N, C-alpha and C. Protein backbone atom coordinates (compact mmCIF):
# COMPACT_ATOMS: atom_id res chain seq x y z
N MET A 1 8.16 4.52 2.31
CA MET A 1 8.06 4.29 0.89
C MET A 1 6.84 5.03 0.36
N LYS A 2 6.95 5.59 -0.82
CA LYS A 2 5.85 6.30 -1.45
C LYS A 2 5.42 5.55 -2.71
N VAL A 3 4.12 5.39 -2.87
CA VAL A 3 3.58 4.66 -4.02
C VAL A 3 2.66 5.58 -4.80
N LYS A 4 2.91 5.72 -6.11
CA LYS A 4 2.05 6.51 -6.98
C LYS A 4 1.43 5.58 -8.00
N PRO A 5 0.10 5.41 -7.95
CA PRO A 5 -0.57 4.53 -8.91
C PRO A 5 -0.42 5.04 -10.35
N LEU A 6 -0.43 4.12 -11.29
CA LEU A 6 -0.33 4.46 -12.70
C LEU A 6 -1.69 4.30 -13.38
N ALA A 7 -1.82 4.96 -14.51
CA ALA A 7 -3.02 4.86 -15.37
C ALA A 7 -4.31 5.08 -14.57
N ASP A 8 -5.24 4.11 -14.65
CA ASP A 8 -6.54 4.26 -13.99
C ASP A 8 -6.59 3.53 -12.66
N ARG A 9 -5.48 3.48 -11.95
CA ARG A 9 -5.40 2.79 -10.67
C ARG A 9 -5.54 3.77 -9.50
N VAL A 10 -6.04 3.26 -8.36
CA VAL A 10 -6.25 4.06 -7.16
C VAL A 10 -5.68 3.29 -5.96
N LEU A 11 -4.89 3.95 -5.13
CA LEU A 11 -4.35 3.35 -3.91
C LEU A 11 -5.28 3.69 -2.76
N VAL A 12 -5.76 2.65 -2.04
CA VAL A 12 -6.69 2.86 -0.94
C VAL A 12 -6.24 2.11 0.30
N LYS A 13 -6.70 2.60 1.45
CA LYS A 13 -6.47 1.91 2.72
C LYS A 13 -7.83 1.49 3.24
N GLN A 14 -7.98 0.20 3.54
CA GLN A 14 -9.25 -0.32 4.00
C GLN A 14 -9.63 0.25 5.36
N VAL A 15 -10.93 0.47 5.54
CA VAL A 15 -11.48 0.89 6.82
C VAL A 15 -11.60 -0.36 7.67
N ALA A 16 -11.24 -0.26 8.94
CA ALA A 16 -11.28 -1.42 9.84
C ALA A 16 -12.69 -1.98 9.95
N ALA A 17 -12.78 -3.29 9.97
CA ALA A 17 -14.08 -3.97 10.10
C ALA A 17 -14.60 -3.82 11.52
N GLU A 18 -15.92 -3.85 11.66
CA GLU A 18 -16.55 -3.77 12.98
C GLU A 18 -16.20 -5.02 13.79
N THR A 19 -15.81 -4.82 15.04
CA THR A 19 -15.49 -5.96 15.90
C THR A 19 -16.59 -6.23 16.92
N LYS A 20 -17.61 -5.35 16.97
CA LYS A 20 -18.74 -5.53 17.88
C LYS A 20 -20.04 -5.31 17.12
N THR A 21 -21.07 -6.02 17.54
CA THR A 21 -22.39 -5.81 16.97
C THR A 21 -23.05 -4.64 17.68
N ALA A 22 -24.18 -4.19 17.16
CA ALA A 22 -24.91 -3.08 17.79
C ALA A 22 -25.35 -3.45 19.21
N GLY A 23 -25.55 -4.74 19.46
CA GLY A 23 -25.96 -5.21 20.78
C GLY A 23 -24.81 -5.41 21.75
N GLY A 24 -23.56 -5.22 21.27
CA GLY A 24 -22.40 -5.33 22.14
C GLY A 24 -21.67 -6.65 22.07
N LEU A 25 -22.11 -7.58 21.23
CA LEU A 25 -21.41 -8.86 21.09
C LEU A 25 -20.12 -8.68 20.31
N ILE A 26 -19.07 -9.31 20.74
CA ILE A 26 -17.78 -9.23 20.06
C ILE A 26 -17.75 -10.28 18.94
N ILE A 27 -17.35 -9.84 17.75
CA ILE A 27 -17.28 -10.72 16.58
C ILE A 27 -15.84 -11.24 16.48
N PRO A 28 -15.62 -12.57 16.52
CA PRO A 28 -14.26 -13.08 16.41
C PRO A 28 -13.68 -12.84 15.01
N ASP A 29 -12.36 -12.78 14.92
CA ASP A 29 -11.69 -12.53 13.65
C ASP A 29 -12.12 -13.50 12.56
N THR A 30 -12.34 -14.76 12.92
CA THR A 30 -12.70 -15.77 11.93
C THR A 30 -14.09 -15.55 11.34
N ALA A 31 -14.96 -14.81 12.03
CA ALA A 31 -16.32 -14.58 11.55
C ALA A 31 -16.48 -13.22 10.87
N GLN A 32 -15.44 -12.37 10.94
CA GLN A 32 -15.54 -11.04 10.33
C GLN A 32 -15.37 -11.13 8.82
N GLU A 33 -16.22 -10.41 8.12
CA GLU A 33 -16.09 -10.34 6.66
C GLU A 33 -15.14 -9.22 6.29
N LYS A 34 -14.48 -9.38 5.17
CA LYS A 34 -13.60 -8.34 4.67
C LYS A 34 -14.45 -7.10 4.36
N THR A 35 -14.05 -5.97 4.90
CA THR A 35 -14.79 -4.75 4.64
C THR A 35 -14.62 -4.32 3.19
N GLN A 36 -15.61 -3.65 2.66
CA GLN A 36 -15.54 -3.17 1.29
C GLN A 36 -15.52 -1.65 1.27
N GLN A 37 -15.12 -1.06 2.38
CA GLN A 37 -14.97 0.39 2.46
C GLN A 37 -13.50 0.72 2.60
N ALA A 38 -13.10 1.82 2.00
CA ALA A 38 -11.71 2.24 2.06
C ALA A 38 -11.63 3.76 1.91
N VAL A 39 -10.46 4.28 2.26
CA VAL A 39 -10.18 5.71 2.08
C VAL A 39 -9.13 5.83 0.99
N VAL A 40 -9.38 6.71 0.03
CA VAL A 40 -8.46 6.91 -1.08
C VAL A 40 -7.20 7.61 -0.58
N GLU A 41 -6.04 7.03 -0.87
CA GLU A 41 -4.76 7.60 -0.45
C GLU A 41 -4.07 8.34 -1.62
N ALA A 42 -4.13 7.75 -2.82
CA ALA A 42 -3.50 8.35 -3.99
C ALA A 42 -4.21 7.86 -5.24
N VAL A 43 -4.15 8.66 -6.30
CA VAL A 43 -4.80 8.28 -7.56
C VAL A 43 -3.81 8.43 -8.71
N GLY A 44 -4.01 7.60 -9.75
CA GLY A 44 -3.22 7.72 -10.95
C GLY A 44 -3.76 8.84 -11.84
N PRO A 45 -3.09 9.12 -12.94
CA PRO A 45 -3.51 10.21 -13.82
C PRO A 45 -4.73 9.89 -14.68
N GLY A 46 -5.13 8.61 -14.74
CA GLY A 46 -6.24 8.22 -15.61
C GLY A 46 -5.74 7.94 -17.01
N THR A 47 -6.66 7.57 -17.87
CA THR A 47 -6.33 7.32 -19.28
C THR A 47 -7.33 8.09 -20.14
N GLU A 48 -7.15 8.03 -21.43
CA GLU A 48 -8.09 8.72 -22.33
C GLU A 48 -9.49 8.13 -22.21
N LYS A 49 -9.59 6.82 -22.00
CA LYS A 49 -10.89 6.15 -21.90
C LYS A 49 -11.44 6.17 -20.48
N GLU A 50 -10.59 6.18 -19.47
CA GLU A 50 -11.02 6.05 -18.07
C GLU A 50 -10.49 7.22 -17.25
N LYS A 51 -11.37 8.16 -16.96
CA LYS A 51 -11.02 9.31 -16.12
C LYS A 51 -11.19 8.95 -14.65
N ILE A 52 -10.28 9.40 -13.80
CA ILE A 52 -10.37 9.14 -12.37
C ILE A 52 -11.41 10.09 -11.78
N THR A 53 -12.36 9.53 -11.03
CA THR A 53 -13.47 10.33 -10.51
C THR A 53 -13.42 10.53 -9.00
N VAL A 54 -12.41 9.97 -8.34
CA VAL A 54 -12.27 10.14 -6.89
C VAL A 54 -10.99 10.91 -6.59
N LYS A 55 -10.90 11.42 -5.37
CA LYS A 55 -9.69 12.14 -4.99
C LYS A 55 -9.25 11.69 -3.59
N PRO A 56 -7.99 11.90 -3.24
CA PRO A 56 -7.48 11.48 -1.94
C PRO A 56 -8.33 12.03 -0.79
N GLY A 57 -8.55 11.16 0.20
CA GLY A 57 -9.33 11.55 1.37
C GLY A 57 -10.78 11.10 1.32
N GLU A 58 -11.29 10.75 0.14
CA GLU A 58 -12.68 10.32 0.02
C GLU A 58 -12.83 8.87 0.48
N LYS A 59 -13.97 8.58 1.12
CA LYS A 59 -14.29 7.21 1.53
C LYS A 59 -15.11 6.59 0.40
N ILE A 60 -14.74 5.37 0.02
CA ILE A 60 -15.38 4.70 -1.11
C ILE A 60 -15.86 3.31 -0.74
N LEU A 61 -16.72 2.75 -1.59
CA LEU A 61 -17.11 1.34 -1.57
C LEU A 61 -16.57 0.72 -2.85
N TYR A 62 -16.08 -0.51 -2.75
CA TYR A 62 -15.52 -1.17 -3.94
C TYR A 62 -15.99 -2.61 -4.02
N ASP A 63 -15.83 -3.21 -5.20
CA ASP A 63 -16.23 -4.61 -5.43
C ASP A 63 -15.52 -5.53 -4.44
N LYS A 64 -16.22 -6.57 -4.02
CA LYS A 64 -15.75 -7.47 -2.96
C LYS A 64 -14.39 -8.11 -3.25
N TYR A 65 -14.17 -8.60 -4.44
CA TYR A 65 -12.93 -9.32 -4.74
C TYR A 65 -11.96 -8.50 -5.58
N ALA A 66 -12.11 -7.20 -5.58
CA ALA A 66 -11.27 -6.34 -6.42
C ALA A 66 -9.95 -6.01 -5.73
N GLY A 67 -8.99 -5.64 -6.53
CA GLY A 67 -7.76 -5.08 -6.02
C GLY A 67 -6.63 -6.05 -5.78
N THR A 68 -5.45 -5.45 -5.65
CA THR A 68 -4.23 -6.17 -5.34
C THR A 68 -3.71 -5.65 -4.02
N GLY A 69 -3.55 -6.53 -3.05
CA GLY A 69 -3.08 -6.13 -1.74
C GLY A 69 -1.58 -5.91 -1.72
N ILE A 70 -1.14 -4.83 -1.05
CA ILE A 70 0.29 -4.55 -0.89
C ILE A 70 0.53 -4.05 0.53
N LYS A 71 1.78 -4.13 0.99
CA LYS A 71 2.17 -3.59 2.29
C LYS A 71 3.10 -2.41 2.05
N ILE A 72 2.81 -1.29 2.73
CA ILE A 72 3.65 -0.11 2.66
C ILE A 72 3.98 0.27 4.10
N ASP A 73 5.25 0.25 4.44
CA ASP A 73 5.70 0.57 5.80
C ASP A 73 4.94 -0.22 6.85
N GLY A 74 4.68 -1.50 6.58
CA GLY A 74 4.02 -2.38 7.54
C GLY A 74 2.50 -2.28 7.58
N GLU A 75 1.90 -1.43 6.76
CA GLU A 75 0.44 -1.28 6.74
C GLU A 75 -0.12 -1.84 5.43
N ASP A 76 -1.34 -2.38 5.50
CA ASP A 76 -1.97 -3.00 4.34
C ASP A 76 -2.74 -1.97 3.51
N TYR A 77 -2.55 -2.03 2.19
CA TYR A 77 -3.24 -1.17 1.23
C TYR A 77 -3.73 -2.03 0.08
N LEU A 78 -4.61 -1.46 -0.73
CA LEU A 78 -5.07 -2.11 -1.95
C LEU A 78 -4.85 -1.16 -3.12
N ILE A 79 -4.51 -1.73 -4.27
CA ILE A 79 -4.49 -0.96 -5.51
C ILE A 79 -5.67 -1.45 -6.33
N LEU A 80 -6.62 -0.55 -6.59
CA LEU A 80 -7.84 -0.88 -7.33
C LEU A 80 -7.83 -0.20 -8.70
N LYS A 81 -8.55 -0.79 -9.64
CA LYS A 81 -8.85 -0.08 -10.88
C LYS A 81 -10.01 0.87 -10.60
N ASN A 82 -10.03 1.99 -11.26
CA ASN A 82 -11.09 2.97 -11.06
C ASN A 82 -12.47 2.35 -11.30
N CYS A 83 -12.58 1.43 -12.25
CA CYS A 83 -13.88 0.82 -12.56
C CYS A 83 -14.36 -0.12 -11.45
N ASP A 84 -13.49 -0.52 -10.50
CA ASP A 84 -13.90 -1.37 -9.39
C ASP A 84 -14.52 -0.57 -8.25
N ILE A 85 -14.46 0.75 -8.33
CA ILE A 85 -15.06 1.59 -7.29
C ILE A 85 -16.56 1.72 -7.58
N ILE A 86 -17.37 1.37 -6.58
CA ILE A 86 -18.81 1.36 -6.75
C ILE A 86 -19.44 2.70 -6.40
N ALA A 87 -18.97 3.33 -5.31
CA ALA A 87 -19.60 4.56 -4.84
C ALA A 87 -18.66 5.34 -3.93
N VAL A 88 -18.98 6.62 -3.76
CA VAL A 88 -18.32 7.47 -2.78
C VAL A 88 -19.28 7.62 -1.60
N VAL A 89 -18.76 7.42 -0.39
CA VAL A 89 -19.58 7.54 0.82
C VAL A 89 -19.46 8.97 1.33
N GLU A 90 -20.61 9.62 1.51
CA GLU A 90 -20.60 11.01 2.00
C GLU A 90 -21.03 11.09 3.44
């Protein structure tokens, strides 16, 4: 299935959360926080008021409770508003 975001929306795939600490301890699933990093998969055309500033392939940071979760071909994705994107990770 192919999904094309509309207006000022961006389709992203979350980056997997760390399962080990720097010291080598394994973090159980119940203690892991939802990651706020994602990779942009597709972008909408934007609107007159809100121009899209990211492009596919870029790694981003987004607001903690932002987005709508969807499943595409068995994988989890988020659809975010462009204004929920905090930064681009270089």
